[in-house]
Amino acid sequence: MRYLVSSDFGARIMENWQSEFLQFATFIFGTVWLVQRGSPESKEPGEEGEEGDKQERVGRFADDDSPLWARIGGARRTLYENSLALMMFALFVATWFAQSVTSWTVFNSDQQAHHQKGLDYLHYLGTSDFWDRSLQNWQSEFLAVAAMAVFAVYLRQRGSAESKPVGASHGETGS
């Protein structure tokens, strides 16, 4: 039970969570601009990017039951239009900060156990310990996303929303 409330446990959990939120934020931002011919997540080449207000049903094209923020303009709609990616990025930043604080606590505890001087928070952010904890998790997430993006073009999973129909050609998108 003691371990569940320790900084070591918190650091390990936050390392994992931050990489997940970074993965999703990157995936969400990336799918707006990236086109991968044959990927079920991609639009057809030439149709990539943002659609017009009519297709997005915003502003004067909004339905009567559309959310209020879709019917109004300006900064509030811009915030609403990007709310999914912004939330994932905010969660990434929050978990990265939580991981940095808990890892700093663990680092200083280890330093103290070895009769060495601890570091203040800002100096800890420049250490290899902090960056090793962060980058080690990130590389595995980006590897997983890259593998999914490549494999989704060539491999199939019947019934999956992430896969094209089994008989679809490699160049056909899933839509």
N, C-alpha and C. Protein backbone atom coordinates (compact mmCIF):
# COMPACT_ATOMS: atom_id res chain seq x y z
N MET A 1 0.83 -1.20 0.00
CA MET A 1 0.00 0.00 0.00
C MET A 1 0.87 1.26 0.00
N ARG A 2 1.97 1.19 0.71
CA ARG A 2 2.85 2.35 0.81
C ARG A 2 3.38 2.77 -0.56
N TYR A 3 3.69 1.76 -1.40
CA TYR A 3 4.21 2.05 -2.74
C TYR A 3 3.19 2.79 -3.60
N LEU A 4 1.90 2.50 -3.44
CA LEU A 4 0.85 3.13 -4.25
C LEU A 4 0.75 4.63 -4.05
N VAL A 5 1.26 5.14 -2.95
CA VAL A 5 1.24 6.58 -2.70
C VAL A 5 2.64 7.20 -2.78
N SER A 6 3.60 6.41 -3.27
CA SER A 6 4.98 6.90 -3.35
C SER A 6 5.21 7.71 -4.62
N SER A 7 6.24 8.53 -4.60
CA SER A 7 6.62 9.30 -5.78
C SER A 7 7.11 8.40 -6.90
N ASP A 8 7.75 7.28 -6.55
CA ASP A 8 8.22 6.35 -7.57
C ASP A 8 7.04 5.80 -8.37
N PHE A 9 5.99 5.38 -7.69
CA PHE A 9 4.79 4.89 -8.37
C PHE A 9 4.16 6.01 -9.21
N GLY A 10 4.04 7.20 -8.61
CA GLY A 10 3.46 8.34 -9.33
C GLY A 10 4.25 8.70 -10.58
N ALA A 11 5.58 8.67 -10.48
CA ALA A 11 6.42 8.99 -11.63
C ALA A 11 6.21 7.99 -12.75
N ARG A 12 6.15 6.72 -12.40
CA ARG A 12 5.97 5.68 -13.43
C ARG A 12 4.59 5.78 -14.09
N ILE A 13 3.57 6.05 -13.32
CA ILE A 13 2.22 6.22 -13.88
C ILE A 13 2.18 7.44 -14.79
N MET A 14 2.72 8.56 -14.34
CA MET A 14 2.69 9.79 -15.13
C MET A 14 3.53 9.65 -16.40
N GLU A 15 4.65 8.92 -16.34
CA GLU A 15 5.45 8.67 -17.55
C GLU A 15 4.60 7.96 -18.59
N ASN A 16 3.83 6.99 -18.17
CA ASN A 16 3.00 6.24 -19.10
C ASN A 16 1.85 7.10 -19.62
N TRP A 17 1.17 7.80 -18.74
CA TRP A 17 0.02 8.61 -19.16
C TRP A 17 0.45 9.73 -20.10
N GLN A 18 1.56 10.40 -19.79
CA GLN A 18 1.97 11.51 -20.65
C GLN A 18 2.26 11.04 -22.05
N SER A 19 2.87 9.88 -22.19
CA SER A 19 3.18 9.40 -23.53
C SER A 19 1.90 9.02 -24.28
N GLU A 20 0.90 8.53 -23.57
CA GLU A 20 -0.38 8.21 -24.22
C GLU A 20 -1.04 9.49 -24.73
N PHE A 21 -1.09 10.52 -23.90
CA PHE A 21 -1.72 11.77 -24.33
C PHE A 21 -0.94 12.45 -25.44
N LEU A 22 0.39 12.36 -25.40
CA LEU A 22 1.21 12.89 -26.50
C LEU A 22 0.90 12.12 -27.78
N GLN A 23 0.77 10.82 -27.67
CA GLN A 23 0.45 9.99 -28.83
C GLN A 23 -0.88 10.42 -29.45
N PHE A 24 -1.91 10.56 -28.64
CA PHE A 24 -3.22 10.94 -29.17
C PHE A 24 -3.23 12.37 -29.71
N ALA A 25 -2.59 13.29 -29.02
CA ALA A 25 -2.54 14.66 -29.51
C ALA A 25 -1.83 14.72 -30.86
N THR A 26 -0.73 14.00 -30.98
CA THR A 26 0.00 13.96 -32.25
C THR A 26 -0.84 13.32 -33.34
N PHE A 27 -1.53 12.25 -33.02
CA PHE A 27 -2.39 11.57 -33.99
C PHE A 27 -3.50 12.51 -34.46
N ILE A 28 -4.13 13.21 -33.53
CA ILE A 28 -5.23 14.12 -33.87
C ILE A 28 -4.73 15.27 -34.73
N PHE A 29 -3.64 15.94 -34.31
CA PHE A 29 -3.08 17.03 -35.10
C PHE A 29 -2.60 16.52 -36.46
N GLY A 30 -1.93 15.38 -36.46
CA GLY A 30 -1.36 14.84 -37.69
C GLY A 30 -2.39 14.46 -38.72
N THR A 31 -3.52 13.90 -38.29
CA THR A 31 -4.52 13.46 -39.26
C THR A 31 -5.23 14.61 -39.94
N VAL A 32 -5.08 15.82 -39.44
CA VAL A 32 -5.66 16.98 -40.11
C VAL A 32 -4.90 17.27 -41.40
N TRP A 33 -3.58 17.10 -41.38
CA TRP A 33 -2.76 17.49 -42.52
C TRP A 33 -2.15 16.34 -43.30
N LEU A 34 -1.92 15.23 -42.63
CA LEU A 34 -1.22 14.14 -43.29
C LEU A 34 -2.18 13.28 -44.12
N VAL A 35 -1.70 12.85 -45.26
CA VAL A 35 -2.47 11.97 -46.11
C VAL A 35 -1.60 10.76 -46.41
N GLN A 36 -2.12 9.61 -46.13
CA GLN A 36 -1.40 8.39 -46.44
C GLN A 36 -2.29 7.58 -47.36
N ARG A 37 -1.90 7.52 -48.59
CA ARG A 37 -2.71 6.80 -49.58
C ARG A 37 -2.95 5.38 -49.10
N GLY A 38 -4.22 5.03 -49.02
CA GLY A 38 -4.60 3.69 -48.60
C GLY A 38 -4.88 3.55 -47.12
N SER A 39 -4.61 4.55 -46.31
CA SER A 39 -4.87 4.45 -44.88
C SER A 39 -6.35 4.70 -44.61
N PRO A 40 -6.98 3.90 -43.74
CA PRO A 40 -8.39 4.13 -43.43
C PRO A 40 -8.61 5.45 -42.69
N GLU A 41 -7.56 6.00 -42.08
CA GLU A 41 -7.71 7.27 -41.36
C GLU A 41 -7.55 8.49 -42.27
N SER A 42 -7.07 8.30 -43.48
CA SER A 42 -6.81 9.43 -44.38
C SER A 42 -7.99 9.73 -45.28
N LYS A 43 -8.11 11.01 -45.62
CA LYS A 43 -9.04 11.42 -46.66
C LYS A 43 -8.41 11.08 -48.00
N GLU A 44 -9.19 11.15 -49.03
CA GLU A 44 -8.67 10.93 -50.37
C GLU A 44 -7.65 12.02 -50.69
N PRO A 45 -6.57 11.70 -51.40
CA PRO A 45 -5.63 12.74 -51.82
C PRO A 45 -6.36 13.84 -52.58
N GLY A 46 -6.07 15.08 -52.23
CA GLY A 46 -6.75 16.24 -52.82
C GLY A 46 -7.90 16.74 -51.97
N GLU A 47 -8.39 15.91 -51.03
CA GLU A 47 -9.48 16.31 -50.15
C GLU A 47 -9.00 16.57 -48.73
N GLU A 48 -7.69 16.53 -48.52
CA GLU A 48 -7.15 16.71 -47.18
C GLU A 48 -7.30 18.15 -46.73
N GLY A 49 -7.12 18.33 -45.43
CA GLY A 49 -7.21 19.67 -44.84
C GLY A 49 -8.62 19.95 -44.33
N GLU A 50 -8.81 21.18 -43.93
CA GLU A 50 -10.09 21.57 -43.36
C GLU A 50 -11.15 21.69 -44.45
N GLU A 51 -12.37 21.34 -44.09
CA GLU A 51 -13.48 21.48 -45.00
C GLU A 51 -14.11 22.85 -44.77
N GLY A 52 -14.98 23.25 -45.67
CA GLY A 52 -15.65 24.54 -45.54
C GLY A 52 -16.70 24.54 -44.45
N ASP A 53 -17.20 25.73 -44.14
CA ASP A 53 -18.20 25.89 -43.09
C ASP A 53 -19.45 25.06 -43.36
N LYS A 54 -19.82 24.93 -44.62
CA LYS A 54 -21.03 24.18 -44.95
C LYS A 54 -20.86 22.70 -44.59
N GLN A 55 -19.72 22.11 -44.99
CA GLN A 55 -19.48 20.70 -44.67
C GLN A 55 -19.32 20.47 -43.16
N GLU A 56 -18.74 21.44 -42.48
CA GLU A 56 -18.52 21.32 -41.04
C GLU A 56 -19.75 21.72 -40.23
N ARG A 57 -20.77 22.28 -40.90
CA ARG A 57 -22.02 22.74 -40.28
C ARG A 57 -21.77 23.71 -39.13
N VAL A 58 -21.03 24.79 -39.45
CA VAL A 58 -20.76 25.83 -38.46
C VAL A 58 -21.25 27.17 -39.00
N GLY A 59 -21.35 28.13 -38.07
CA GLY A 59 -21.81 29.46 -38.46
C GLY A 59 -23.23 29.43 -39.00
N ARG A 60 -23.46 30.06 -40.12
CA ARG A 60 -24.82 30.12 -40.69
C ARG A 60 -25.28 28.77 -41.23
N PHE A 61 -24.39 27.80 -41.35
CA PHE A 61 -24.73 26.46 -41.83
C PHE A 61 -25.03 25.49 -40.69
N ALA A 62 -24.94 25.96 -39.44
CA ALA A 62 -25.18 25.10 -38.29
C ALA A 62 -26.64 24.68 -38.24
N ASP A 63 -26.87 23.47 -37.74
CA ASP A 63 -28.23 22.97 -37.55
C ASP A 63 -28.83 23.61 -36.31
N ASP A 64 -30.15 23.51 -36.18
CA ASP A 64 -30.82 24.06 -35.00
C ASP A 64 -30.36 23.38 -33.72
N ASP A 65 -30.01 22.11 -33.80
CA ASP A 65 -29.57 21.39 -32.61
C ASP A 65 -28.05 21.32 -32.47
N SER A 66 -27.33 22.08 -33.28
CA SER A 66 -25.86 22.14 -33.17
C SER A 66 -25.48 22.82 -31.86
N PRO A 67 -24.33 22.46 -31.31
CA PRO A 67 -23.87 23.15 -30.09
C PRO A 67 -23.74 24.66 -30.34
N LEU A 68 -24.01 25.44 -29.30
CA LEU A 68 -23.95 26.90 -29.41
C LEU A 68 -22.62 27.37 -29.98
N TRP A 69 -21.53 26.75 -29.55
CA TRP A 69 -20.22 27.20 -30.00
C TRP A 69 -20.01 26.96 -31.49
N ALA A 70 -20.75 26.04 -32.08
CA ALA A 70 -20.65 25.81 -33.53
C ALA A 70 -21.41 26.89 -34.29
N ARG A 71 -22.39 27.51 -33.64
CA ARG A 71 -23.22 28.53 -34.32
C ARG A 71 -22.62 29.93 -34.24
N ILE A 72 -21.78 30.17 -33.24
CA ILE A 72 -21.17 31.49 -33.11
C ILE A 72 -19.80 31.48 -33.78
N GLY A 73 -19.19 32.63 -33.90
CA GLY A 73 -17.88 32.71 -34.54
C GLY A 73 -16.80 33.13 -33.57
N GLY A 74 -15.70 33.54 -34.11
CA GLY A 74 -14.61 34.09 -33.33
C GLY A 74 -13.80 33.07 -32.57
N ALA A 75 -13.17 33.56 -31.51
CA ALA A 75 -12.24 32.75 -30.73
C ALA A 75 -12.92 31.57 -30.05
N ARG A 76 -14.16 31.76 -29.61
CA ARG A 76 -14.85 30.65 -28.94
C ARG A 76 -15.08 29.48 -29.89
N ARG A 77 -15.44 29.76 -31.13
CA ARG A 77 -15.62 28.67 -32.08
C ARG A 77 -14.27 28.03 -32.43
N THR A 78 -13.25 28.85 -32.60
CA THR A 78 -11.91 28.31 -32.88
C THR A 78 -11.49 27.37 -31.77
N LEU A 79 -11.73 27.76 -30.53
CA LEU A 79 -11.41 26.91 -29.39
C LEU A 79 -12.22 25.61 -29.45
N TYR A 80 -13.51 25.71 -29.75
CA TYR A 80 -14.37 24.53 -29.84
C TYR A 80 -13.96 23.64 -31.00
N GLU A 81 -13.61 24.23 -32.13
CA GLU A 81 -13.21 23.46 -33.31
C GLU A 81 -11.97 22.61 -33.06
N ASN A 82 -11.14 23.06 -32.14
CA ASN A 82 -9.88 22.38 -31.85
C ASN A 82 -9.85 21.79 -30.45
N SER A 83 -11.01 21.65 -29.83
CA SER A 83 -11.08 21.25 -28.43
C SER A 83 -10.52 19.86 -28.16
N LEU A 84 -10.69 18.91 -29.06
CA LEU A 84 -10.18 17.57 -28.82
C LEU A 84 -8.65 17.56 -28.76
N ALA A 85 -8.01 18.13 -29.76
CA ALA A 85 -6.54 18.16 -29.77
C ALA A 85 -6.01 19.02 -28.63
N LEU A 86 -6.65 20.14 -28.36
CA LEU A 86 -6.20 21.00 -27.26
C LEU A 86 -6.31 20.30 -25.91
N MET A 87 -7.38 19.54 -25.72
CA MET A 87 -7.53 18.81 -24.46
C MET A 87 -6.45 17.74 -24.32
N MET A 88 -6.19 17.00 -25.38
CA MET A 88 -5.15 15.97 -25.32
C MET A 88 -3.78 16.60 -25.06
N PHE A 89 -3.50 17.74 -25.68
CA PHE A 89 -2.23 18.42 -25.46
C PHE A 89 -2.15 18.94 -24.03
N ALA A 90 -3.26 19.48 -23.51
CA ALA A 90 -3.27 19.98 -22.12
C ALA A 90 -3.05 18.83 -21.14
N LEU A 91 -3.66 17.68 -21.41
CA LEU A 91 -3.44 16.52 -20.54
C LEU A 91 -2.00 16.04 -20.63
N PHE A 92 -1.41 16.09 -21.83
CA PHE A 92 0.00 15.75 -21.98
C PHE A 92 0.86 16.67 -21.11
N VAL A 93 0.64 17.98 -21.20
CA VAL A 93 1.44 18.94 -20.43
C VAL A 93 1.24 18.71 -18.93
N ALA A 94 0.00 18.48 -18.51
CA ALA A 94 -0.27 18.26 -17.09
C ALA A 94 0.42 17.00 -16.57
N THR A 95 0.36 15.93 -17.35
CA THR A 95 0.99 14.69 -16.89
C THR A 95 2.51 14.77 -16.98
N TRP A 96 3.03 15.52 -17.96
CA TRP A 96 4.47 15.71 -18.05
C TRP A 96 4.95 16.50 -16.82
N PHE A 97 4.20 17.52 -16.44
CA PHE A 97 4.56 18.29 -15.25
C PHE A 97 4.50 17.40 -14.00
N ALA A 98 3.42 16.61 -13.86
CA ALA A 98 3.29 15.72 -12.70
C ALA A 98 4.43 14.70 -12.67
N GLN A 99 4.78 14.17 -13.84
CA GLN A 99 5.89 13.22 -13.92
C GLN A 99 7.20 13.90 -13.53
N SER A 100 7.38 15.15 -13.95
CA SER A 100 8.63 15.85 -13.63
C SER A 100 8.78 16.06 -12.13
N VAL A 101 7.67 16.41 -11.46
CA VAL A 101 7.71 16.66 -10.02
C VAL A 101 7.95 15.35 -9.26
N THR A 102 7.23 14.30 -9.63
CA THR A 102 7.41 13.03 -8.92
C THR A 102 8.78 12.43 -9.21
N SER A 103 9.26 12.55 -10.43
CA SER A 103 10.59 12.04 -10.77
C SER A 103 11.67 12.83 -10.03
N TRP A 104 11.49 14.12 -9.90
CA TRP A 104 12.43 14.97 -9.17
C TRP A 104 12.51 14.52 -7.71
N THR A 105 11.35 14.20 -7.12
CA THR A 105 11.31 13.72 -5.74
C THR A 105 12.07 12.40 -5.60
N VAL A 106 11.83 11.48 -6.54
CA VAL A 106 12.53 10.19 -6.53
C VAL A 106 14.03 10.40 -6.70
N PHE A 107 14.41 11.27 -7.64
CA PHE A 107 15.82 11.55 -7.90
C PHE A 107 16.51 12.06 -6.63
N ASN A 108 15.88 13.04 -5.98
CA ASN A 108 16.48 13.61 -4.77
C ASN A 108 16.52 12.60 -3.62
N SER A 109 15.54 11.71 -3.55
CA SER A 109 15.56 10.66 -2.52
C SER A 109 16.74 9.72 -2.77
N ASP A 110 16.95 9.37 -4.03
CA ASP A 110 18.10 8.51 -4.38
C ASP A 110 19.42 9.22 -4.08
N GLN A 111 19.48 10.50 -4.39
CA GLN A 111 20.69 11.26 -4.10
C GLN A 111 20.97 11.25 -2.59
N GLN A 112 19.93 11.49 -1.81
CA GLN A 112 20.08 11.52 -0.35
C GLN A 112 20.50 10.15 0.17
N ALA A 113 19.94 9.08 -0.36
CA ALA A 113 20.29 7.71 0.07
C ALA A 113 21.76 7.40 -0.20
N HIS A 114 22.33 8.05 -1.20
CA HIS A 114 23.75 7.85 -1.54
C HIS A 114 24.63 8.98 -1.00
N HIS A 115 24.09 9.75 -0.06
CA HIS A 115 24.81 10.84 0.61
C HIS A 115 25.34 11.87 -0.39
N GLN A 116 24.51 12.16 -1.40
CA GLN A 116 24.85 13.18 -2.38
C GLN A 116 23.83 14.31 -2.30
N LYS A 117 24.23 15.45 -2.80
CA LYS A 117 23.38 16.62 -2.75
C LYS A 117 22.26 16.51 -3.80
N GLY A 118 21.06 16.90 -3.39
CA GLY A 118 19.93 16.91 -4.31
C GLY A 118 19.97 18.15 -5.21
N LEU A 119 19.02 18.22 -6.15
CA LEU A 119 18.95 19.34 -7.08
C LEU A 119 17.64 20.09 -6.90
N ASP A 120 17.66 21.38 -7.21
CA ASP A 120 16.39 22.09 -7.25
C ASP A 120 15.65 21.67 -8.53
N TYR A 121 14.38 21.99 -8.58
CA TYR A 121 13.51 21.52 -9.67
C TYR A 121 14.02 21.93 -11.05
N LEU A 122 14.37 23.19 -11.23
CA LEU A 122 14.82 23.65 -12.56
C LEU A 122 16.09 22.95 -13.02
N HIS A 123 17.00 22.70 -12.10
CA HIS A 123 18.22 21.97 -12.48
C HIS A 123 17.90 20.51 -12.81
N TYR A 124 16.94 19.94 -12.10
CA TYR A 124 16.56 18.56 -12.39
C TYR A 124 16.03 18.44 -13.83
N LEU A 125 15.31 19.45 -14.30
CA LEU A 125 14.76 19.40 -15.67
C LEU A 125 15.85 19.33 -16.74
N GLY A 126 17.06 19.67 -16.40
CA GLY A 126 18.17 19.60 -17.35
C GLY A 126 18.98 18.31 -17.24
N THR A 127 18.56 17.40 -16.36
CA THR A 127 19.34 16.17 -16.17
C THR A 127 18.97 15.09 -17.17
N SER A 128 19.89 14.17 -17.36
CA SER A 128 19.62 13.03 -18.23
C SER A 128 18.56 12.12 -17.62
N ASP A 129 18.45 12.08 -16.30
CA ASP A 129 17.43 11.26 -15.65
C ASP A 129 16.03 11.69 -16.09
N PHE A 130 15.77 13.00 -16.06
CA PHE A 130 14.45 13.51 -16.46
C PHE A 130 14.18 13.21 -17.93
N TRP A 131 15.13 13.50 -18.78
CA TRP A 131 14.91 13.32 -20.21
C TRP A 131 14.88 11.84 -20.60
N ASP A 132 15.62 11.01 -19.91
CA ASP A 132 15.56 9.58 -20.17
C ASP A 132 14.16 9.05 -19.84
N ARG A 133 13.61 9.47 -18.71
CA ARG A 133 12.27 9.02 -18.33
C ARG A 133 11.23 9.46 -19.36
N SER A 134 11.35 10.67 -19.87
CA SER A 134 10.37 11.19 -20.83
C SER A 134 10.55 10.56 -22.21
N LEU A 135 11.75 10.66 -22.75
CA LEU A 135 11.98 10.23 -24.13
C LEU A 135 11.86 8.73 -24.32
N GLN A 136 12.17 7.96 -23.30
CA GLN A 136 12.07 6.51 -23.41
C GLN A 136 10.62 6.11 -23.67
N ASN A 137 9.70 6.73 -23.01
CA ASN A 137 8.28 6.44 -23.22
C ASN A 137 7.79 6.99 -24.56
N TRP A 138 8.22 8.17 -24.92
CA TRP A 138 7.74 8.78 -26.16
C TRP A 138 8.13 7.95 -27.37
N GLN A 139 9.37 7.44 -27.39
CA GLN A 139 9.79 6.69 -28.57
C GLN A 139 8.93 5.46 -28.77
N SER A 140 8.50 4.81 -27.70
CA SER A 140 7.66 3.63 -27.87
C SER A 140 6.29 3.99 -28.40
N GLU A 141 5.77 5.14 -28.00
CA GLU A 141 4.46 5.58 -28.49
C GLU A 141 4.52 5.93 -29.98
N PHE A 142 5.57 6.65 -30.38
CA PHE A 142 5.69 7.01 -31.79
C PHE A 142 5.94 5.78 -32.66
N LEU A 143 6.66 4.80 -32.13
CA LEU A 143 6.85 3.55 -32.86
C LEU A 143 5.51 2.86 -33.06
N ALA A 144 4.69 2.83 -32.02
CA ALA A 144 3.38 2.18 -32.12
C ALA A 144 2.48 2.89 -33.13
N VAL A 145 2.46 4.22 -33.12
CA VAL A 145 1.63 4.98 -34.06
C VAL A 145 2.13 4.76 -35.49
N ALA A 146 3.43 4.82 -35.68
CA ALA A 146 3.99 4.62 -37.03
C ALA A 146 3.68 3.22 -37.54
N ALA A 147 3.80 2.23 -36.68
CA ALA A 147 3.48 0.86 -37.09
C ALA A 147 2.01 0.74 -37.47
N MET A 148 1.13 1.34 -36.68
CA MET A 148 -0.31 1.29 -36.98
C MET A 148 -0.60 1.98 -38.32
N ALA A 149 0.01 3.13 -38.55
CA ALA A 149 -0.23 3.87 -39.80
C ALA A 149 0.22 3.07 -41.01
N VAL A 150 1.37 2.44 -40.93
CA VAL A 150 1.89 1.66 -42.06
C VAL A 150 1.10 0.37 -42.23
N PHE A 151 0.89 -0.35 -41.15
CA PHE A 151 0.18 -1.63 -41.24
C PHE A 151 -1.26 -1.46 -41.68
N ALA A 152 -1.91 -0.33 -41.32
CA ALA A 152 -3.31 -0.11 -41.69
C ALA A 152 -3.49 -0.02 -43.20
N VAL A 153 -2.44 0.29 -43.93
CA VAL A 153 -2.54 0.36 -45.39
C VAL A 153 -2.58 -1.04 -45.98
N TYR A 154 -1.81 -1.96 -45.43
CA TYR A 154 -1.61 -3.27 -46.04
C TYR A 154 -2.32 -4.43 -45.36
N LEU A 155 -2.59 -4.32 -44.07
CA LEU A 155 -3.19 -5.43 -43.33
C LEU A 155 -4.66 -5.14 -43.04
N ARG A 156 -5.43 -6.15 -42.70
CA ARG A 156 -6.87 -6.01 -42.46
C ARG A 156 -7.27 -6.66 -41.15
N GLN A 157 -8.32 -6.12 -40.55
CA GLN A 157 -8.96 -6.75 -39.40
C GLN A 157 -10.46 -6.64 -39.60
N ARG A 158 -11.07 -7.74 -39.93
CA ARG A 158 -12.50 -7.76 -40.21
C ARG A 158 -13.28 -7.16 -39.05
N GLY A 159 -14.18 -6.23 -39.38
CA GLY A 159 -15.05 -5.61 -38.40
C GLY A 159 -14.45 -4.44 -37.64
N SER A 160 -13.19 -4.11 -37.86
CA SER A 160 -12.54 -3.03 -37.13
C SER A 160 -12.80 -1.68 -37.79
N ALA A 161 -13.08 -0.68 -36.98
CA ALA A 161 -13.24 0.68 -37.49
C ALA A 161 -11.91 1.25 -37.95
N GLU A 162 -10.80 0.66 -37.53
CA GLU A 162 -9.48 1.12 -37.90
C GLU A 162 -8.94 0.45 -39.15
N SER A 163 -9.75 -0.39 -39.79
CA SER A 163 -9.29 -1.15 -40.94
C SER A 163 -10.24 -0.97 -42.11
N LYS A 164 -9.68 -1.08 -43.31
CA LYS A 164 -10.51 -1.08 -44.52
C LYS A 164 -11.22 -2.42 -44.60
N PRO A 165 -12.26 -2.50 -45.44
CA PRO A 165 -12.88 -3.80 -45.66
C PRO A 165 -11.84 -4.81 -46.15
N VAL A 166 -12.03 -6.06 -45.84
CA VAL A 166 -11.05 -7.10 -46.15
C VAL A 166 -10.73 -7.14 -47.64
N GLY A 167 -11.72 -6.94 -48.52
CA GLY A 167 -11.50 -7.01 -49.95
C GLY A 167 -11.08 -5.72 -50.60
N ALA A 168 -10.88 -4.63 -49.83
CA ALA A 168 -10.51 -3.33 -50.41
C ALA A 168 -9.07 -3.36 -50.89
N SER A 169 -8.79 -2.61 -51.98
CA SER A 169 -7.42 -2.53 -52.48
C SER A 169 -6.57 -1.71 -51.51
N HIS A 170 -5.26 -1.85 -51.63
CA HIS A 170 -4.34 -1.11 -50.76
C HIS A 170 -4.46 0.40 -50.95
N GLY A 171 -4.78 0.84 -52.17
CA GLY A 171 -4.88 2.27 -52.44
C GLY A 171 -6.20 2.89 -52.05
N GLU A 172 -7.20 2.09 -51.72
CA GLU A 172 -8.53 2.59 -51.36
C GLU A 172 -8.54 2.99 -49.88
N THR A 173 -9.17 4.11 -49.58
CA THR A 173 -9.30 4.50 -48.17
C THR A 173 -10.49 3.79 -47.56
N GLY A 174 -10.60 3.88 -46.25
CA GLY A 174 -11.67 3.16 -45.56
C GLY A 174 -13.02 3.81 -45.65
N SER A 175 -13.12 5.04 -46.14
CA SER A 175 -14.41 5.73 -46.14
C SER A 175 -15.27 5.36 -47.31
